[in-house]
Amino acid sequence: MTVLTRNWHTSFAYRLGVRSRLARTVALLATAMTGAVAVGSGGASPAATPLRLDGVPFRPELALTSASRSLGLMNRRRAPADGMLFVFPEQTFGGFWMKNTLVPLTIVFFDAQGKRVRKLSMKPCRQKSCPIYSPGRRYRFALELRAFDTRRAAKLGPLAELRRLARVAS
C-alpha cells in the first residue's frame, strides 16, 4: 500500500523500464535506509514506541517520512503482524492506493486525537490504474493491518505518544 503521492524510487525504476526484482530491492533498501535515518534522528524507534490500539499494546512499523509513506507495504509478500502506522506531520485528506501491493489490507484512518475516522478494506492492485481508498475526511494517522485482522481499531494512543510521533514525522 502506498500513499497516493508517487513513490519516487519505484517510479524512477519504472520510467527507466527496469522492473526487475533487483531494482525493486534497491528501491526498498534506499527507502528503508531513509526511514531508519529519520527514525533515528527523531528519537522514535519501533521498539521504543509504546503504542496502544483499543487499550492493548502493539508495535506497528512506522512510516514517519514521505519516502517511507510512499513505499508503504508495496512488494511485500506479508504485512507485519501489527501493521504499519503512517504518521503525517499535519492533518491530511489524501487517499491511499494498492499499486504493487501483494496482500489484501484493512486501513484504519485516525484523527489527531487517535479516534477512528473510517475503516476500509483494500484489495491488491497490479494494474496501471488502481482504486483510491479515502476516508472522505481529514485524518492524521493511517494504520494498515492484515485483511483478516479482527481488532476493532477504534482508538489509537496514548495521545502524548501520538503527538510525539507527529512532531518527528516529515
N, C-alpha and C. Protein backbone atom coordinates (compact mmCIF):
# COMPACT_ATOMS: atom_id res chain seq x y z
N MET A 1 0.85 -1.17 0.00
CA MET A 1 0.00 0.00 0.00
C MET A 1 0.88 1.21 0.00
N THR A 2 0.45 2.18 -0.69
CA THR A 2 1.23 3.40 -0.74
C THR A 2 0.31 4.61 -0.67
N VAL A 3 0.81 5.66 -0.09
CA VAL A 3 0.08 6.91 -0.08
C VAL A 3 0.02 7.36 -1.53
N LEU A 4 -1.01 8.06 -1.91
CA LEU A 4 -1.24 8.40 -3.29
C LEU A 4 -0.10 9.14 -3.95
N THR A 5 0.68 9.89 -3.20
CA THR A 5 1.84 10.53 -3.81
C THR A 5 2.74 9.42 -4.33
N ARG A 6 3.27 9.59 -5.50
CA ARG A 6 4.05 8.53 -6.11
C ARG A 6 5.34 8.23 -5.35
N ASN A 7 5.69 6.95 -5.32
CA ASN A 7 6.94 6.50 -4.74
C ASN A 7 8.04 6.81 -5.75
N TRP A 8 8.92 7.75 -5.42
CA TRP A 8 9.92 8.18 -6.39
C TRP A 8 10.89 7.08 -6.75
N HIS A 9 11.20 6.18 -5.79
CA HIS A 9 12.14 5.09 -6.08
C HIS A 9 11.57 4.17 -7.16
N THR A 10 10.36 3.70 -6.94
CA THR A 10 9.73 2.77 -7.86
C THR A 10 9.37 3.46 -9.16
N SER A 11 8.87 4.68 -9.08
CA SER A 11 8.51 5.41 -10.30
C SER A 11 9.74 5.60 -11.19
N PHE A 12 10.88 5.93 -10.58
CA PHE A 12 12.11 6.12 -11.33
C PHE A 12 12.50 4.82 -12.03
N ALA A 13 12.42 3.71 -11.30
CA ALA A 13 12.77 2.42 -11.89
C ALA A 13 11.84 2.08 -13.04
N TYR A 14 10.55 2.35 -12.90
CA TYR A 14 9.60 2.06 -13.97
C TYR A 14 9.83 2.97 -15.18
N ARG A 15 10.13 4.25 -14.95
CA ARG A 15 10.39 5.17 -16.06
C ARG A 15 11.59 4.69 -16.87
N LEU A 16 12.56 4.10 -16.18
CA LEU A 16 13.73 3.60 -16.89
C LEU A 16 13.47 2.24 -17.53
N GLY A 17 12.30 1.66 -17.28
CA GLY A 17 11.98 0.36 -17.83
C GLY A 17 12.60 -0.77 -17.04
N VAL A 18 13.06 -0.49 -15.85
CA VAL A 18 13.69 -1.50 -15.01
C VAL A 18 12.62 -2.04 -14.05
N ARG A 19 12.21 -3.24 -14.29
CA ARG A 19 11.16 -3.81 -13.45
C ARG A 19 11.65 -5.07 -12.75
N SER A 20 12.91 -5.22 -12.68
CA SER A 20 13.49 -6.43 -12.11
C SER A 20 13.35 -6.45 -10.59
N ARG A 21 13.50 -7.61 -10.05
CA ARG A 21 13.48 -7.78 -8.61
C ARG A 21 14.62 -6.99 -7.97
N LEU A 22 15.77 -6.94 -8.65
CA LEU A 22 16.91 -6.18 -8.13
C LEU A 22 16.56 -4.70 -8.00
N ALA A 23 15.91 -4.12 -9.02
CA ALA A 23 15.54 -2.70 -8.97
C ALA A 23 14.57 -2.43 -7.82
N ARG A 24 13.61 -3.32 -7.63
CA ARG A 24 12.65 -3.15 -6.53
C ARG A 24 13.36 -3.29 -5.19
N THR A 25 14.29 -4.21 -5.09
CA THR A 25 15.03 -4.41 -3.84
C THR A 25 15.88 -3.19 -3.51
N VAL A 26 16.55 -2.64 -4.53
CA VAL A 26 17.36 -1.44 -4.31
C VAL A 26 16.47 -0.29 -3.85
N ALA A 27 15.30 -0.12 -4.49
CA ALA A 27 14.37 0.95 -4.09
C ALA A 27 13.90 0.74 -2.66
N LEU A 28 13.59 -0.50 -2.31
CA LEU A 28 13.13 -0.80 -0.95
C LEU A 28 14.23 -0.51 0.07
N LEU A 29 15.46 -0.92 -0.22
CA LEU A 29 16.56 -0.67 0.71
C LEU A 29 16.85 0.82 0.86
N ALA A 30 16.79 1.56 -0.23
CA ALA A 30 17.03 3.01 -0.16
C ALA A 30 15.98 3.67 0.71
N THR A 31 14.73 3.27 0.55
CA THR A 31 13.66 3.84 1.36
C THR A 31 13.81 3.42 2.82
N ALA A 32 14.16 2.17 3.05
CA ALA A 32 14.34 1.69 4.42
C ALA A 32 15.47 2.45 5.11
N MET A 33 16.55 2.70 4.39
CA MET A 33 17.65 3.45 4.98
C MET A 33 17.23 4.89 5.26
N THR A 34 16.46 5.49 4.36
CA THR A 34 15.96 6.85 4.59
C THR A 34 15.09 6.87 5.83
N GLY A 35 14.21 5.88 5.94
CA GLY A 35 13.34 5.79 7.11
C GLY A 35 14.11 5.56 8.39
N ALA A 36 15.15 4.73 8.31
CA ALA A 36 15.95 4.45 9.51
C ALA A 36 16.66 5.70 9.99
N VAL A 37 17.18 6.49 9.05
CA VAL A 37 17.85 7.73 9.43
C VAL A 37 16.85 8.67 10.07
N ALA A 38 15.66 8.80 9.46
CA ALA A 38 14.65 9.71 10.00
C ALA A 38 14.18 9.24 11.38
N VAL A 39 14.01 7.93 11.52
CA VAL A 39 13.57 7.41 12.81
C VAL A 39 14.65 7.65 13.86
N GLY A 40 15.90 7.36 13.50
CA GLY A 40 16.99 7.55 14.45
C GLY A 40 17.18 9.00 14.84
N SER A 41 17.07 9.90 13.87
CA SER A 41 17.28 11.31 14.18
C SER A 41 16.13 11.89 14.98
N GLY A 42 14.93 11.33 14.82
CA GLY A 42 13.78 11.86 15.55
C GLY A 42 13.62 11.24 16.91
N GLY A 43 14.41 10.23 17.21
CA GLY A 43 14.32 9.61 18.51
C GLY A 43 13.19 8.61 18.64
N ALA A 44 12.53 8.28 17.54
CA ALA A 44 11.42 7.32 17.60
C ALA A 44 11.86 6.03 16.94
N SER A 45 11.84 4.97 17.67
CA SER A 45 12.11 3.68 17.07
C SER A 45 10.94 2.77 17.38
N PRO A 46 10.64 1.84 16.46
CA PRO A 46 9.51 0.97 16.71
C PRO A 46 9.60 0.24 18.05
N ALA A 47 10.80 -0.14 18.45
CA ALA A 47 10.96 -0.86 19.71
C ALA A 47 10.67 0.03 20.92
N ALA A 48 10.85 1.35 20.76
CA ALA A 48 10.68 2.26 21.89
C ALA A 48 9.37 3.04 21.83
N THR A 49 8.49 2.66 20.91
CA THR A 49 7.23 3.38 20.75
C THR A 49 6.11 2.62 21.46
N PRO A 50 5.72 3.09 22.63
CA PRO A 50 4.68 2.39 23.41
C PRO A 50 3.27 2.77 22.95
N LEU A 51 2.83 2.19 21.85
CA LEU A 51 1.50 2.50 21.33
C LEU A 51 0.48 1.48 21.81
N ARG A 52 -0.78 1.91 21.79
CA ARG A 52 -1.89 1.04 22.16
C ARG A 52 -2.98 1.16 21.11
N LEU A 53 -3.59 0.04 20.80
CA LEU A 53 -4.73 0.00 19.91
C LEU A 53 -5.88 -0.57 20.72
N ASP A 54 -6.89 0.24 20.94
CA ASP A 54 -8.02 -0.14 21.80
C ASP A 54 -7.55 -0.54 23.19
N GLY A 55 -6.52 0.14 23.68
CA GLY A 55 -6.01 -0.10 25.03
C GLY A 55 -5.03 -1.25 25.14
N VAL A 56 -4.76 -1.96 24.06
CA VAL A 56 -3.86 -3.11 24.07
C VAL A 56 -2.54 -2.71 23.41
N PRO A 57 -1.40 -2.98 24.07
CA PRO A 57 -0.10 -2.63 23.48
C PRO A 57 0.09 -3.31 22.12
N PHE A 58 0.66 -2.55 21.18
CA PHE A 58 1.01 -3.13 19.89
C PHE A 58 2.19 -2.35 19.31
N ARG A 59 2.90 -2.97 18.37
CA ARG A 59 4.13 -2.38 17.82
C ARG A 59 4.09 -2.41 16.29
N PRO A 60 3.41 -1.46 15.69
CA PRO A 60 3.39 -1.41 14.22
C PRO A 60 4.71 -0.86 13.68
N GLU A 61 5.01 -1.18 12.44
CA GLU A 61 6.10 -0.50 11.77
C GLU A 61 5.66 0.95 11.59
N LEU A 62 6.61 1.87 11.62
CA LEU A 62 6.27 3.28 11.49
C LEU A 62 6.71 3.82 10.14
N ALA A 63 5.83 4.59 9.51
CA ALA A 63 6.14 5.31 8.29
C ALA A 63 6.10 6.78 8.65
N LEU A 64 7.27 7.33 9.00
CA LEU A 64 7.37 8.70 9.50
C LEU A 64 7.83 9.70 8.45
N THR A 65 8.40 9.22 7.36
CA THR A 65 8.91 10.12 6.33
C THR A 65 8.06 10.01 5.07
N SER A 66 8.16 11.00 4.23
CA SER A 66 7.43 10.98 2.96
C SER A 66 7.83 9.76 2.14
N ALA A 67 9.11 9.44 2.12
CA ALA A 67 9.59 8.28 1.35
C ALA A 67 9.02 6.98 1.90
N SER A 68 9.03 6.81 3.22
CA SER A 68 8.51 5.56 3.79
C SER A 68 6.99 5.47 3.64
N ARG A 69 6.31 6.62 3.70
CA ARG A 69 4.85 6.61 3.48
C ARG A 69 4.54 6.28 2.02
N SER A 70 5.36 6.75 1.10
CA SER A 70 5.14 6.46 -0.32
C SER A 70 5.35 4.99 -0.64
N LEU A 71 6.31 4.37 -0.02
CA LEU A 71 6.58 2.95 -0.27
C LEU A 71 5.57 2.07 0.45
N GLY A 72 5.23 2.42 1.66
CA GLY A 72 4.25 1.63 2.41
C GLY A 72 4.59 0.15 2.44
N LEU A 73 3.63 -0.68 2.12
CA LEU A 73 3.83 -2.13 2.14
C LEU A 73 3.94 -2.71 0.73
N MET A 74 4.35 -1.87 -0.22
CA MET A 74 4.49 -2.34 -1.60
C MET A 74 5.50 -3.48 -1.70
N ASN A 75 5.19 -4.41 -2.59
CA ASN A 75 6.08 -5.52 -2.96
C ASN A 75 6.40 -6.48 -1.81
N ARG A 76 5.66 -6.43 -0.74
CA ARG A 76 5.88 -7.38 0.37
C ARG A 76 4.90 -8.54 0.24
N ARG A 77 5.38 -9.70 0.56
CA ARG A 77 4.52 -10.90 0.48
C ARG A 77 3.67 -11.07 1.73
N ARG A 78 4.05 -10.39 2.84
CA ARG A 78 3.27 -10.44 4.09
C ARG A 78 3.28 -9.06 4.72
N ALA A 79 2.16 -8.73 5.33
CA ALA A 79 2.08 -7.48 6.10
C ALA A 79 2.58 -7.79 7.52
N PRO A 80 3.17 -6.81 8.20
CA PRO A 80 3.63 -7.03 9.57
C PRO A 80 2.45 -7.41 10.48
N ALA A 81 2.72 -8.19 11.51
CA ALA A 81 1.66 -8.66 12.42
C ALA A 81 0.86 -7.51 13.02
N ASP A 82 1.52 -6.43 13.39
CA ASP A 82 0.83 -5.26 13.96
C ASP A 82 0.67 -4.14 12.94
N GLY A 83 0.88 -4.44 11.69
CA GLY A 83 0.62 -3.47 10.63
C GLY A 83 1.68 -2.41 10.49
N MET A 84 1.31 -1.38 9.73
CA MET A 84 2.18 -0.23 9.50
C MET A 84 1.37 1.02 9.81
N LEU A 85 1.94 1.88 10.64
CA LEU A 85 1.29 3.13 11.01
C LEU A 85 1.92 4.28 10.23
N PHE A 86 1.10 4.95 9.41
CA PHE A 86 1.51 6.10 8.64
C PHE A 86 1.24 7.33 9.50
N VAL A 87 2.29 8.08 9.78
CA VAL A 87 2.19 9.27 10.63
C VAL A 87 2.45 10.49 9.76
N PHE A 88 1.50 11.43 9.75
CA PHE A 88 1.61 12.63 8.95
C PHE A 88 1.94 13.82 9.84
N PRO A 89 2.81 14.73 9.37
CA PRO A 89 3.19 15.88 10.19
C PRO A 89 2.03 16.85 10.41
N GLU A 90 1.01 16.79 9.55
CA GLU A 90 -0.17 17.65 9.68
C GLU A 90 -1.41 16.85 9.30
N GLN A 91 -2.57 17.38 9.63
CA GLN A 91 -3.82 16.75 9.19
C GLN A 91 -3.77 16.65 7.67
N THR A 92 -4.32 15.59 7.12
CA THR A 92 -4.33 15.41 5.68
C THR A 92 -5.67 14.83 5.25
N PHE A 93 -5.90 14.78 3.96
CA PHE A 93 -7.16 14.22 3.48
C PHE A 93 -6.95 13.38 2.23
N GLY A 94 -5.70 13.13 1.85
CA GLY A 94 -5.40 12.34 0.66
C GLY A 94 -5.79 10.89 0.82
N GLY A 95 -5.81 10.19 -0.30
CA GLY A 95 -6.17 8.77 -0.29
C GLY A 95 -4.96 7.87 -0.42
N PHE A 96 -5.21 6.59 -0.33
CA PHE A 96 -4.18 5.55 -0.47
C PHE A 96 -4.57 4.69 -1.66
N TRP A 97 -3.59 4.05 -2.27
CA TRP A 97 -3.89 3.07 -3.29
C TRP A 97 -3.05 1.83 -3.05
N MET A 98 -3.38 0.76 -3.74
CA MET A 98 -2.73 -0.52 -3.52
C MET A 98 -1.82 -0.91 -4.67
N LYS A 99 -1.31 0.06 -5.38
CA LYS A 99 -0.41 -0.20 -6.51
C LYS A 99 0.78 -1.03 -6.05
N ASN A 100 0.99 -2.17 -6.70
CA ASN A 100 2.09 -3.10 -6.41
C ASN A 100 2.08 -3.62 -4.98
N THR A 101 0.93 -3.62 -4.35
CA THR A 101 0.79 -4.23 -3.03
C THR A 101 0.27 -5.64 -3.25
N LEU A 102 0.92 -6.62 -2.66
CA LEU A 102 0.65 -8.01 -2.97
C LEU A 102 -0.38 -8.67 -2.05
N VAL A 103 -0.67 -8.05 -0.92
CA VAL A 103 -1.58 -8.67 0.05
C VAL A 103 -2.78 -7.76 0.32
N PRO A 104 -3.95 -8.35 0.57
CA PRO A 104 -5.11 -7.52 0.94
C PRO A 104 -4.90 -6.91 2.32
N LEU A 105 -5.39 -5.70 2.50
CA LEU A 105 -5.20 -4.97 3.75
C LEU A 105 -6.49 -4.32 4.22
N THR A 106 -6.52 -4.01 5.50
CA THR A 106 -7.55 -3.15 6.07
C THR A 106 -6.83 -1.88 6.47
N ILE A 107 -7.42 -0.74 6.13
CA ILE A 107 -6.82 0.53 6.53
C ILE A 107 -7.79 1.24 7.47
N VAL A 108 -7.21 1.76 8.56
CA VAL A 108 -7.99 2.49 9.55
C VAL A 108 -7.40 3.89 9.64
N PHE A 109 -8.23 4.89 9.42
CA PHE A 109 -7.81 6.28 9.49
C PHE A 109 -8.19 6.83 10.87
N PHE A 110 -7.26 7.58 11.48
CA PHE A 110 -7.48 8.16 12.81
C PHE A 110 -7.25 9.66 12.76
N ASP A 111 -8.00 10.40 13.57
CA ASP A 111 -7.77 11.84 13.68
C ASP A 111 -6.60 12.11 14.62
N ALA A 112 -6.30 13.37 14.87
CA ALA A 112 -5.16 13.75 15.71
C ALA A 112 -5.31 13.30 17.16
N GLN A 113 -6.54 13.03 17.58
CA GLN A 113 -6.80 12.56 18.94
C GLN A 113 -6.76 11.04 19.06
N GLY A 114 -6.53 10.35 17.93
CA GLY A 114 -6.47 8.89 17.95
C GLY A 114 -7.82 8.22 17.82
N LYS A 115 -8.84 8.96 17.46
CA LYS A 115 -10.18 8.40 17.28
C LYS A 115 -10.36 7.97 15.82
N ARG A 116 -10.94 6.78 15.63
CA ARG A 116 -11.13 6.26 14.29
C ARG A 116 -12.05 7.17 13.48
N VAL A 117 -11.62 7.47 12.26
CA VAL A 117 -12.40 8.27 11.32
C VAL A 117 -13.13 7.36 10.35
N ARG A 118 -12.43 6.33 9.85
CA ARG A 118 -13.03 5.39 8.92
C ARG A 118 -12.15 4.15 8.80
N LYS A 119 -12.79 3.03 8.47
CA LYS A 119 -12.09 1.76 8.29
C LYS A 119 -12.54 1.19 6.94
N LEU A 120 -11.56 0.80 6.11
CA LEU A 120 -11.85 0.30 4.77
C LEU A 120 -11.07 -0.97 4.48
N SER A 121 -11.62 -1.81 3.63
CA SER A 121 -10.92 -2.99 3.12
C SER A 121 -10.34 -2.66 1.77
N MET A 122 -9.09 -3.09 1.53
CA MET A 122 -8.41 -2.77 0.28
C MET A 122 -7.88 -4.05 -0.38
N LYS A 123 -7.95 -4.09 -1.70
CA LYS A 123 -7.50 -5.26 -2.46
C LYS A 123 -6.23 -4.92 -3.22
N PRO A 124 -5.34 -5.92 -3.38
CA PRO A 124 -4.10 -5.70 -4.14
C PRO A 124 -4.41 -5.23 -5.56
N CYS A 125 -3.48 -4.48 -6.14
CA CYS A 125 -3.66 -3.97 -7.50
C CYS A 125 -2.33 -3.99 -8.22
N ARG A 126 -2.31 -4.62 -9.37
CA ARG A 126 -1.09 -4.66 -10.18
C ARG A 126 -1.32 -4.03 -11.55
N GLN A 127 -2.41 -3.31 -11.69
CA GLN A 127 -2.74 -2.66 -12.96
C GLN A 127 -2.16 -1.25 -12.98
N LYS A 128 -2.27 -0.59 -14.13
CA LYS A 128 -1.78 0.79 -14.24
C LYS A 128 -2.67 1.74 -13.45
N SER A 129 -3.96 1.47 -13.47
CA SER A 129 -4.91 2.33 -12.77
C SER A 129 -5.51 1.54 -11.60
N CYS A 130 -5.34 2.05 -10.40
CA CYS A 130 -5.82 1.37 -9.20
C CYS A 130 -6.83 2.26 -8.47
N PRO A 131 -7.78 1.64 -7.75
CA PRO A 131 -8.73 2.44 -6.96
C PRO A 131 -8.02 3.21 -5.86
N ILE A 132 -8.60 4.33 -5.49
CA ILE A 132 -8.08 5.14 -4.40
C ILE A 132 -9.01 4.97 -3.21
N TYR A 133 -8.42 4.69 -2.05
CA TYR A 133 -9.18 4.50 -0.81
C TYR A 133 -9.00 5.74 0.05
N SER A 134 -10.09 6.44 0.25
CA SER A 134 -10.03 7.69 1.00
C SER A 134 -11.12 7.69 2.08
N PRO A 135 -10.82 8.26 3.25
CA PRO A 135 -11.83 8.28 4.30
C PRO A 135 -12.90 9.35 4.07
N GLY A 136 -12.66 10.28 3.16
CA GLY A 136 -13.62 11.34 2.92
C GLY A 136 -13.61 12.44 3.98
N ARG A 137 -12.67 12.34 4.91
CA ARG A 137 -12.49 13.35 5.97
C ARG A 137 -11.01 13.49 6.27
N ARG A 138 -10.68 14.54 7.00
CA ARG A 138 -9.29 14.74 7.41
C ARG A 138 -8.88 13.67 8.42
N TYR A 139 -7.58 13.34 8.40
CA TYR A 139 -7.02 12.38 9.35
C TYR A 139 -5.56 12.74 9.58
N ARG A 140 -4.97 12.15 10.62
CA ARG A 140 -3.56 12.40 10.95
C ARG A 140 -2.74 11.12 10.90
N PHE A 141 -3.40 9.99 11.14
CA PHE A 141 -2.72 8.69 11.17
C PHE A 141 -3.52 7.70 10.32
N ALA A 142 -2.81 6.78 9.69
CA ALA A 142 -3.48 5.70 8.96
C ALA A 142 -2.76 4.41 9.34
N LEU A 143 -3.51 3.42 9.73
CA LEU A 143 -2.95 2.13 10.14
C LEU A 143 -3.37 1.06 9.15
N GLU A 144 -2.39 0.44 8.51
CA GLU A 144 -2.67 -0.67 7.61
C GLU A 144 -2.46 -1.97 8.38
N LEU A 145 -3.47 -2.81 8.36
CA LEU A 145 -3.43 -4.11 9.03
C LEU A 145 -3.70 -5.21 8.02
N ARG A 146 -3.32 -6.43 8.37
CA ARG A 146 -3.66 -7.58 7.53
C ARG A 146 -5.18 -7.62 7.37
N ALA A 147 -5.63 -8.02 6.21
CA ALA A 147 -7.07 -8.01 5.91
C ALA A 147 -7.89 -8.85 6.89
N PHE A 148 -7.31 -9.92 7.40
CA PHE A 148 -8.05 -10.80 8.30
C PHE A 148 -7.92 -10.40 9.78
N ASP A 149 -7.27 -9.28 10.05
CA ASP A 149 -7.11 -8.82 11.43
C ASP A 149 -8.49 -8.50 12.02
N THR A 150 -8.78 -9.03 13.19
CA THR A 150 -10.11 -8.87 13.79
C THR A 150 -10.20 -7.77 14.84
N ARG A 151 -9.11 -7.03 15.04
CA ARG A 151 -9.16 -5.95 16.02
C ARG A 151 -10.16 -4.88 15.60
N ARG A 152 -10.85 -4.32 16.57
CA ARG A 152 -11.84 -3.29 16.31
C ARG A 152 -11.19 -2.01 15.78
N ALA A 153 -10.06 -1.66 16.33
CA ALA A 153 -9.28 -0.49 15.90
C ALA A 153 -10.10 0.79 15.95
N ALA A 154 -10.68 1.07 17.11
CA ALA A 154 -11.49 2.28 17.28
C ALA A 154 -10.69 3.41 17.91
N LYS A 155 -9.63 3.08 18.68
CA LYS A 155 -8.88 4.12 19.40
C LYS A 155 -7.39 3.80 19.36
N LEU A 156 -6.61 4.81 18.97
CA LEU A 156 -5.16 4.71 18.91
C LEU A 156 -4.60 5.64 19.97
N GLY A 157 -3.56 5.22 20.64
CA GLY A 157 -2.99 6.08 21.68
C GLY A 157 -1.68 5.52 22.17
N PRO A 158 -1.19 6.07 23.28
CA PRO A 158 -1.73 7.20 24.04
C PRO A 158 -1.50 8.52 23.29
N LEU A 159 -2.30 9.52 23.63
CA LEU A 159 -2.28 10.80 22.95
C LEU A 159 -0.90 11.46 22.98
N ALA A 160 -0.21 11.39 24.11
CA ALA A 160 1.13 12.01 24.21
C ALA A 160 2.09 11.37 23.21
N GLU A 161 2.01 10.07 23.03
CA GLU A 161 2.89 9.39 22.08
C GLU A 161 2.50 9.73 20.64
N LEU A 162 1.22 9.87 20.37
CA LEU A 162 0.79 10.26 19.02
C LEU A 162 1.31 11.66 18.68
N ARG A 163 1.25 12.55 19.64
CA ARG A 163 1.75 13.91 19.42
C ARG A 163 3.26 13.90 19.17
N ARG A 164 3.98 13.07 19.93
CA ARG A 164 5.44 12.98 19.75
C ARG A 164 5.76 12.44 18.35
N LEU A 165 5.06 11.41 17.92
CA LEU A 165 5.29 10.86 16.59
C LEU A 165 4.99 11.89 15.50
N ALA A 166 3.90 12.64 15.67
CA ALA A 166 3.54 13.66 14.68
C ALA A 166 4.61 14.74 14.60
N ARG A 167 5.25 15.06 15.74
CA ARG A 167 6.31 16.07 15.74
C ARG A 167 7.55 15.61 14.98
N VAL A 168 7.86 14.32 15.03
CA VAL A 168 9.07 13.82 14.36
C VAL A 168 8.81 13.42 12.92
N ALA A 169 7.55 13.35 12.51
CA ALA A 169 7.22 12.98 11.13
C ALA A 169 7.63 14.10 10.18
N SER A 170 8.05 13.69 9.00
CA SER A 170 8.43 14.70 7.99
C SER A 170 7.83 14.36 6.65
